C-alpha atoms as a PDB file:
ATOM      1  CA  MET A   1      -7.356   8.380  -2.621  1.00  0.00           C
ATOM      2  CA  GLU A   2      -6.340   5.539  -0.322  1.00  0.00           C
ATOM      3  CA  PHE A   3      -3.446   4.846   2.034  1.00  0.00           C
ATOM      4  CA  MET A   4      -2.217   1.367   2.921  1.00  0.00           C
ATOM      5  CA  PHE A   5       0.512   0.205   5.283  1.00  0.00           C
ATOM      6  CA  ASP A   6       3.379  -1.662   3.615  1.00  0.00           C
ATOM      7  CA  THR A   7       4.408  -3.715   6.618  1.00  0.00           C
ATOM      8  CA  ALA A   8       4.025  -7.036   8.375  1.00  0.00           C
ATOM      9  CA  ASN A   9       4.898  -5.560  11.773  1.00  0.00           C
ATOM     10  CA  ILE A  10       1.873  -6.313  13.949  1.00  0.00           C
ATOM     11  CA  LYS A  11       2.860  -3.811  16.632  1.00  0.00           C
ATOM     12  CA  ASP A  12       3.095  -1.000  14.063  1.00  0.00           C
ATOM     13  CA  ILE A  13      -0.202  -1.952  12.434  1.00  0.00           C
ATOM     14  CA  LYS A  14      -1.981  -1.913  15.795  1.00  0.00           C
ATOM     15  CA  TYR A  15      -0.455   1.380  16.855  1.00  0.00           C
ATOM     16  CA  PHE A  16      -0.526   3.457  13.685  1.00  0.00           C
ATOM     17  CA  SER A  17      -3.944   2.308  12.478  1.00  0.00           C
ATOM     18  CA  GLN A  18      -5.357   4.254  15.430  1.00  0.00           C
ATOM     19  CA  TYR A  19      -4.259   7.459  13.726  1.00  0.00           C
ATOM     20  CA  TYR A  20      -4.189   6.973   9.972  1.00  0.00           C
ATOM     21  CA  PRO A  21      -7.184   6.228   7.704  1.00  0.00           C
ATOM     22  CA  ILE A  22      -5.738   3.155   6.020  1.00  0.00           C
ATOM     23  CA  THR A  23      -7.725   0.932   3.681  1.00  0.00           C
ATOM     24  CA  GLY A  24      -5.436  -2.085   3.748  1.00  0.00           C
ATOM     25  CA  VAL A  25      -2.087  -3.735   4.441  1.00  0.00           C
ATOM     26  CA  THR A  26       0.416  -4.986   1.875  1.00  0.00           C
ATOM     27  CA  SER A  27       3.474  -7.181   2.239  1.00  0.00           C
ATOM     28  CA  ASN A  28       6.225  -8.899   0.287  1.00  0.00           C
ATOM     29  CA  PRO A  29       9.169 -11.167   1.164  1.00  0.00           C
ATOM     30  CA  SER A  30      11.455  -8.204   1.908  1.00  0.00           C
ATOM     31  CA  ILE A  31       8.847  -6.726   4.241  1.00  0.00           C
ATOM     32  CA  ILE A  32       8.539 -10.071   6.009  1.00  0.00           C
ATOM     33  CA  LYS A  33      12.331 -10.318   6.334  1.00  0.00           C
ATOM     34  CA  SER A  34      12.320  -7.054   8.280  1.00  0.00           C
ATOM     35  CA  VAL A  35      10.210  -8.676  11.038  1.00  0.00           C
ATOM     36  CA  GLY A  36      12.036 -12.016  10.989  1.00  0.00           C
ATOM     37  CA  LYS A  37      10.839 -15.593  10.600  1.00  0.00           C
ATOM     38  CA  ILE A  38       7.125 -15.729  11.354  1.00  0.00           C
ATOM     39  CA  ASP A  39       4.388 -18.323  11.722  1.00  0.00           C
ATOM     40  CA  PHE A  40       3.273 -17.288   8.241  1.00  0.00           C
ATOM     41  CA  PHE A  41      -0.426 -18.140   8.089  1.00  0.00           C
ATOM     42  CA  ASN A  42      -1.204 -17.349  11.725  1.00  0.00           C
ATOM     43  CA  HIS A  43       0.726 -14.089  11.485  1.00  0.00           C
ATOM     44  CA  PHE A  44      -1.418 -12.869   8.610  1.00  0.00           C
ATOM     45  CA  LYS A  45      -4.576 -14.153  10.284  1.00  0.00           C
ATOM     46  CA  GLU A  46      -3.706 -11.878  13.189  1.00  0.00           C
ATOM     47  CA  ILE A  47      -3.194  -8.941  10.824  1.00  0.00           C
ATOM     48  CA  ARG A  48      -6.607  -9.670   9.306  1.00  0.00           C
ATOM     49  CA  ASN A  49      -8.141  -9.673  12.793  1.00  0.00           C
ATOM     50  CA  ILE A  50      -6.566  -6.287  13.479  1.00  0.00           C
ATOM     51  CA  ILE A  51      -7.624  -4.528  10.272  1.00  0.00           C
ATOM     52  CA  GLY A  52     -10.948  -6.316   9.798  1.00  0.00           C
ATOM     53  CA  ILE A  53     -12.600  -7.803   6.750  1.00  0.00           C
ATOM     54  CA  ASP A  54     -13.549  -4.382   5.357  1.00  0.00           C
ATOM     55  CA  LYS A  55      -9.886  -3.561   4.637  1.00  0.00           C
ATOM     56  CA  SER A  56      -7.765  -5.281   2.005  1.00  0.00           C
ATOM     57  CA  LEU A  57      -4.883  -7.632   2.777  1.00  0.00           C
ATOM     58  CA  HIS A  58      -2.289  -8.217   0.035  1.00  0.00           C
ATOM     59  CA  ILE A  59       0.119 -11.170   0.243  1.00  0.00           C
ATOM     60  CA  GLN A  60       2.777 -11.961  -2.363  1.00  0.00           C
ATOM     61  CA  VAL A  61       3.570 -15.350  -3.850  1.00  0.00           C
ATOM     62  CA  ILE A  62       7.161 -16.595  -4.023  1.00  0.00           C
ATOM     63  CA  SER A  63       7.120 -19.136  -6.842  1.00  0.00           C
ATOM     64  CA  GLN A  64       8.128 -18.061 -10.323  1.00  0.00           C
ATOM     65  CA  SER A  65       6.432 -20.869 -12.222  1.00  0.00           C
ATOM     66  CA  TYR A  66       2.768 -20.702 -13.182  1.00  0.00           C
ATOM     67  CA  GLU A  67       1.997 -23.921 -11.328  1.00  0.00           C
ATOM     68  CA  GLY A  68       3.828 -22.738  -8.231  1.00  0.00           C
ATOM     69  CA  ILE A  69       2.052 -19.384  -8.214  1.00  0.00           C
ATOM     70  CA  MET A  70      -1.318 -21.105  -8.415  1.00  0.00           C
ATOM     71  CA  GLU A  71      -0.438 -23.546  -5.623  1.00  0.00           C
ATOM     72  CA  GLU A  72       0.739 -20.757  -3.352  1.00  0.00           C
ATOM     73  CA  ALA A  73      -2.338 -18.671  -4.091  1.00  0.00           C
ATOM     74  CA  GLU A  74      -4.524 -21.593  -3.086  1.00  0.00           C
ATOM     75  CA  ALA A  75      -2.514 -22.091   0.113  1.00  0.00           C
ATOM     76  CA  ILE A  76      -2.879 -18.418   1.047  1.00  0.00           C
ATOM     77  CA  LEU A  77      -6.617 -18.367   0.385  1.00  0.00           C
ATOM     78  CA  SER A  78      -7.225 -21.670   2.181  1.00  0.00           C
ATOM     79  CA  ASN A  79      -5.119 -20.954   5.266  1.00  0.00           C
ATOM     80  CA  ILE A  80      -5.810 -17.229   5.778  1.00  0.00           C
ATOM     81  CA  ASP A  81      -9.074 -16.241   4.095  1.00  0.00           C
ATOM     82  CA  GLU A  82     -10.645 -16.101   0.657  1.00  0.00           C
ATOM     83  CA  ASN A  83     -10.647 -12.282   0.570  1.00  0.00           C
ATOM     84  CA  VAL A  84      -6.870 -11.907   0.427  1.00  0.00           C
ATOM     85  CA  PHE A  85      -5.479 -10.121  -2.628  1.00  0.00           C
ATOM     86  CA  ILE A  86      -2.852 -12.363  -4.187  1.00  0.00           C
ATOM     87  CA  LYS A  87       0.189 -10.304  -5.169  1.00  0.00           C
ATOM     88  CA  VAL A  88       1.725 -11.613  -8.390  1.00  0.00           C
ATOM     89  CA  PRO A  89       4.863 -10.185 -10.038  1.00  0.00           C
ATOM     90  CA  VAL A  90       4.248  -9.209 -13.657  1.00  0.00           C
ATOM     91  CA  THR A  91       6.199 -11.756 -15.676  1.00  0.00           C
ATOM     92  CA  GLU A  92       4.951 -14.064 -18.420  1.00  0.00           C
ATOM     93  CA  ASN A  93       4.041 -16.730 -15.872  1.00  0.00           C
ATOM     94  CA  GLY A  94       2.665 -14.040 -13.608  1.00  0.00           C
ATOM     95  CA  LEU A  95       0.347 -12.756 -16.326  1.00  0.00           C
ATOM     96  CA  LYS A  96      -0.881 -16.275 -17.011  1.00  0.00           C
ATOM     97  CA  ALA A  97      -1.594 -16.740 -13.314  1.00  0.00           C
ATOM     98  CA  ILE A  98      -3.349 -13.373 -13.050  1.00  0.00           C
ATOM     99  CA  ARG A  99      -5.695 -14.295 -15.886  1.00  0.00           C
ATOM    100  CA  THR A 100      -6.468 -17.667 -14.315  1.00  0.00           C
ATOM    101  CA  LEU A 101      -7.020 -16.193 -10.857  1.00  0.00           C
ATOM    102  CA  LYS A 102      -9.348 -13.516 -12.216  1.00  0.00           C
ATOM    103  CA  ALA A 103     -11.302 -16.138 -14.171  1.00  0.00           C
ATOM    104  CA  ARG A 104     -11.926 -17.719 -10.755  1.00  0.00           C
ATOM    105  CA  ASN A 105     -12.985 -14.349  -9.256  1.00  0.00           C
ATOM    106  CA  ILE A 106      -9.928 -14.163  -7.002  1.00  0.00           C
ATOM    107  CA  SER A 107      -8.622 -10.709  -6.063  1.00  0.00           C
ATOM    108  CA  VAL A 108      -5.229  -9.922  -7.562  1.00  0.00           C
ATOM    109  CA  THR A 109      -2.582  -7.239  -7.110  1.00  0.00           C
ATOM    110  CA  ALA A 110      -0.055  -7.156  -9.959  1.00  0.00           C
ATOM    111  CA  THR A 111       3.297  -6.144  -8.523  1.00  0.00           C
ATOM    112  CA  THR A 112       6.985  -5.564  -9.296  1.00  0.00           C
ATOM    113  CA  ILE A 113       6.033  -3.065 -11.998  1.00  0.00           C
ATOM    114  CA  TYR A 114       8.808  -0.933 -13.459  1.00  0.00           C
ATOM    115  CA  THR A 115       7.581  -0.305 -17.005  1.00  0.00           C
ATOM    116  CA  LYS A 116       4.507   0.882 -18.863  1.00  0.00           C
ATOM    117  CA  ILE A 117       4.123  -2.380 -20.754  1.00  0.00           C
ATOM    118  CA  GLN A 118       4.064  -4.411 -17.537  1.00  0.00           C
ATOM    119  CA  GLY A 119       1.248  -2.300 -16.157  1.00  0.00           C
ATOM    120  CA  LEU A 120      -0.734  -2.231 -19.391  1.00  0.00           C
ATOM    121  CA  LEU A 121      -0.579  -6.010 -19.713  1.00  0.00           C
ATOM    122  CA  ALA A 122      -1.636  -6.432 -16.079  1.00  0.00           C
ATOM    123  CA  ILE A 123      -4.566  -4.040 -16.597  1.00  0.00           C
ATOM    124  CA  GLU A 124      -5.697  -5.957 -19.671  1.00  0.00           C
ATOM    125  CA  SER A 125      -5.307  -9.234 -17.755  1.00  0.00           C
ATOM    126  CA  GLY A 126      -7.854  -7.991 -15.218  1.00  0.00           C
ATOM    127  CA  ALA A 127      -5.693  -7.208 -12.171  1.00  0.00           C
ATOM    128  CA  ASP A 128      -7.613  -5.385  -9.444  1.00  0.00           C
ATOM    129  CA  PHE A 129      -4.543  -3.357  -8.489  1.00  0.00           C
ATOM    130  CA  ILE A 130      -1.258  -2.625 -10.241  1.00  0.00           C
ATOM    131  CA  ALA A 131       1.717  -1.687  -8.067  1.00  0.00           C
ATOM    132  CA  PRO A 132       4.314   0.491  -9.825  1.00  0.00           C
ATOM    133  CA  TYR A 133       7.544   0.901  -7.852  1.00  0.00           C
ATOM    134  CA  PHE A 134       8.118   4.642  -7.550  1.00  0.00           C
ATOM    135  CA  ASN A 135      11.518   4.904  -5.880  1.00  0.00           C
ATOM    136  CA  ARG A 136      12.942   1.834  -7.576  1.00  0.00           C
ATOM    137  CA  MET A 137      12.009   3.282 -10.959  1.00  0.00           C
ATOM    138  CA  GLU A 138      13.729   6.548 -10.085  1.00  0.00           C
ATOM    139  CA  SER A 139      16.832   4.628  -9.024  1.00  0.00           C
ATOM    140  CA  MET A 140      16.901   2.960 -12.454  1.00  0.00           C
ATOM    141  CA  ASP A 141      16.459   6.281 -14.301  1.00  0.00           C
ATOM    142  CA  ILE A 142      12.878   5.390 -15.237  1.00  0.00           C
ATOM    143  CA  ASN A 143      10.464   8.289 -14.758  1.00  0.00           C
ATOM    144  CA  PRO A 144       7.745   7.054 -12.353  1.00  0.00           C
ATOM    145  CA  ARG A 145       5.657  10.168 -12.975  1.00  0.00           C
ATOM    146  CA  GLU A 146       5.313   9.340 -16.667  1.00  0.00           C
ATOM    147  CA  VAL A 147       4.598   5.682 -15.945  1.00  0.00           C
ATOM    148  CA  ILE A 148       1.886   6.323 -13.349  1.00  0.00           C
ATOM    149  CA  SER A 149       0.326   9.099 -15.442  1.00  0.00           C
ATOM    150  CA  ALA A 150       0.158   6.782 -18.444  1.00  0.00           C
ATOM    151  CA  PHE A 151      -1.618   4.118 -16.406  1.00  0.00           C
ATOM    152  CA  ALA A 152      -4.091   6.664 -15.040  1.00  0.00           C
ATOM    153  CA  GLN A 153      -4.879   7.994 -18.520  1.00  0.00           C
ATOM    154  CA  ILE A 154      -5.430   4.530 -20.000  1.00  0.00           C
ATOM    155  CA  ILE A 155      -7.638   3.428 -17.101  1.00  0.00           C
ATOM    156  CA  GLU A 156      -9.790   6.548 -17.342  1.00  0.00           C
ATOM    157  CA  LYS A 157      -9.980   6.585 -21.156  1.00  0.00           C
ATOM    158  CA  HIS A 158     -11.030   2.948 -21.480  1.00  0.00           C
ATOM    159  CA  ASN A 159     -12.963   2.598 -18.194  1.00  0.00           C
ATOM    160  CA  TYR A 160     -10.827  -0.197 -16.768  1.00  0.00           C
ATOM    161  CA  LYS A 161     -11.612  -1.217 -13.194  1.00  0.00           C
ATOM    162  CA  THR A 162      -7.953  -1.646 -12.250  1.00  0.00           C
ATOM    163  CA  ARG A 163      -6.673   0.714  -9.552  1.00  0.00           C
ATOM    164  CA  ILE A 164      -3.132   2.056  -9.290  1.00  0.00           C
ATOM    165  CA  LEU A 165      -1.484   1.132  -5.979  1.00  0.00           C
ATOM    166  CA  ALA A 166       1.817   2.979  -6.035  1.00  0.00           C
ATOM    167  CA  ALA A 167       4.576   1.456  -3.896  1.00  0.00           C
ATOM    168  CA  SER A 168       8.280   1.763  -3.054  1.00  0.00           C
ATOM    169  CA  PHE A 169       8.686   5.154  -1.393  1.00  0.00           C
ATOM    170  CA  LYS A 170      11.643   6.714   0.392  1.00  0.00           C
ATOM    171  CA  ASN A 171      10.040  10.030   1.307  1.00  0.00           C
ATOM    172  CA  ILE A 172       6.647  11.667   1.619  1.00  0.00           C
ATOM    173  CA  SER A 173       7.234  13.890  -1.423  1.00  0.00           C
ATOM    174  CA  GLN A 174       7.244  10.787  -3.633  1.00  0.00           C
ATOM    175  CA  VAL A 175       3.960   9.698  -2.065  1.00  0.00           C
ATOM    176  CA  CYS A 176       2.266  13.020  -2.811  1.00  0.00           C
ATOM    177  CA  THR A 177       3.665  13.034  -6.345  1.00  0.00           C
ATOM    178  CA  ALA A 178       2.241   9.560  -7.002  1.00  0.00           C
ATOM    179  CA  PHE A 179      -1.231  10.824  -6.096  1.00  0.00           C
ATOM    180  CA  GLU A 180      -0.758  13.922  -8.234  1.00  0.00           C
ATOM    181  CA  CYS A 181       0.117  11.679 -11.195  1.00  0.00           C
ATOM    182  CA  GLY A 182      -3.111   9.706 -10.816  1.00  0.00           C
ATOM    183  CA  ALA A 183      -2.436   6.883  -8.368  1.00  0.00           C
ATOM    184  CA  HIS A 184      -5.629   5.774  -6.648  1.00  0.00           C
ATOM    185  CA  SER A 185      -3.784   4.300  -3.667  1.00  0.00           C
ATOM    186  CA  VAL A 186      -0.332   4.222  -2.113  1.00  0.00           C
ATOM    187  CA  THR A 187       1.270   1.732   0.224  1.00  0.00           C
ATOM    188  CA  LEU A 188       4.039   2.901   2.507  1.00  0.00           C
ATOM    189  CA  GLN A 189       5.817   2.303   5.772  1.00  0.00           C
ATOM    190  CA  PRO A 190       3.868   3.877   8.679  1.00  0.00           C
ATOM    191  CA  SER A 191       7.074   5.635   9.763  1.00  0.00           C
ATOM    192  CA  LEU A 192       6.918   7.882   6.670  1.00  0.00           C
ATOM    193  CA  LEU A 193       3.557   9.262   7.771  1.00  0.00           C
ATOM    194  CA  ASN A 194       4.730   9.558  11.359  1.00  0.00           C
ATOM    195  CA  ASP A 195       7.815  11.519  10.306  1.00  0.00           C
ATOM    196  CA  ALA A 196       5.764  13.783   8.024  1.00  0.00           C
ATOM    197  CA  LEU A 197       3.452  14.845  10.856  1.00  0.00           C
ATOM    198  CA  ASN A 198       6.248  15.297  13.365  1.00  0.00           C
ATOM    199  CA  MET A 199       8.343  17.777  11.414  1.00  0.00           C
ATOM    200  CA  PRO A 200       9.735  20.572  13.628  1.00  0.00           C
ATOM    201  CA  ALA A 201       7.869  23.345  11.765  1.00  0.00           C
ATOM    202  CA  ILE A 202       4.493  21.837  12.690  1.00  0.00           C
ATOM    203  CA  LYS A 203       5.401  21.538  16.354  1.00  0.00           C
ATOM    204  CA  LYS A 204       6.795  25.083  16.412  1.00  0.00           C
ATOM    205  CA  ALA A 205       3.579  26.512  14.961  1.00  0.00           C
ATOM    206  CA  ILE A 206       1.445  24.619  17.505  1.00  0.00           C
ATOM    207  CA  ASP A 207       3.692  25.747  20.362  1.00  0.00           C
ATOM    208  CA  ASN A 208       3.384  29.346  19.167  1.00  0.00           C
ATOM    209  CA  PHE A 209      -0.405  29.076  19.116  1.00  0.00           C
ATOM    210  CA  ASN A 210      -0.322  27.657  22.633  1.00  0.00           C
ATOM    211  CA  ASP A 211       1.903  30.488  23.862  1.00  0.00           C
ATOM    212  CA  ASP A 212      -0.429  33.104  22.353  1.00  0.00           C
ATOM    213  CA  TRP A 213      -3.457  31.458  23.983  1.00  0.00           C
ATOM    214  CA  GLU A 214      -1.789  31.351  27.380  1.00  0.00           C
ATOM    215  CA  SER A 215      -0.797  34.992  27.093  1.00  0.00           C
ATOM    216  CA  ILE A 216      -4.516  35.821  26.904  1.00  0.00           C
ATOM    217  CA  PHE A 217      -6.257  33.258  29.091  1.00  0.00           C
ATOM    218  CA  GLY A 218      -3.498  31.964  31.351  1.00  0.00           C
ATOM    219  CA  LYS A 219      -1.488  28.760  31.630  1.00  0.00           C
ATOM    220  CA  GLY A 220      -3.492  25.538  31.940  1.00  0.00           C
ATOM    221  CA  VAL A 221      -6.764  27.064  30.690  1.00  0.00           C
ATOM    222  CA  THR A 222      -8.375  25.227  27.772  1.00  0.00           C
ATOM    223  CA  ILE A 223     -11.483  25.941  25.700  1.00  0.00           C
ATOM    224  CA  SER A 224     -13.337  23.187  27.520  1.00  0.00           C
ATOM    225  CA  ASN A 225     -12.834  24.792  30.949  1.00  0.00           C
ATOM    226  CA  LEU A 226     -13.434  28.402  30.017  1.00  0.00           C
ATOM    227  CA  LYS A 227     -16.012  30.123  32.205  1.00  0.00           C
END
């Protein structure tokens, strides 16, 4: 079970990675748009410096042609670092690019997955990660639970090395459901985790515990200064 941050916001990555056990950072053009026009390569170099080489960094190509995907992958690897996972949408040209990239031992995340056949083809093409879009599938009346479960069953049955990196979440319930259905990893906005741990019920319970402690030992007394 792995958590990744789906953001290109450097401030958020620095702050929230202090608290959450993330294993990587993912991005796409819409994520980048949310932080504005950036110095692309240097921006992602800074993210790499923050998270370190032991965590994965996933960057999506823009081109839709096979040749363009390959050129952009080379630019990303050359100008950021060779350990970046190249995110490739699962189309016909995308599948061709995934197979070529894997033949060159380049790490690949197959993305923009809405259907079982997209994921199955990406698995067979050797993608390291497949990224099914949970909330977007629900919005299109596609059952993400069935899709993710099918991927998990196929991977386990046939011993594929591909890992399921579920994406596109609007609430923490969807995140937990993705894991329950067999996702190995999820990528989400840090704010979803922050909101989940700051729900009023949690704070109320902690405040009640504090009140009970103080009623016994007095205000301002902690375990560390008990005598």
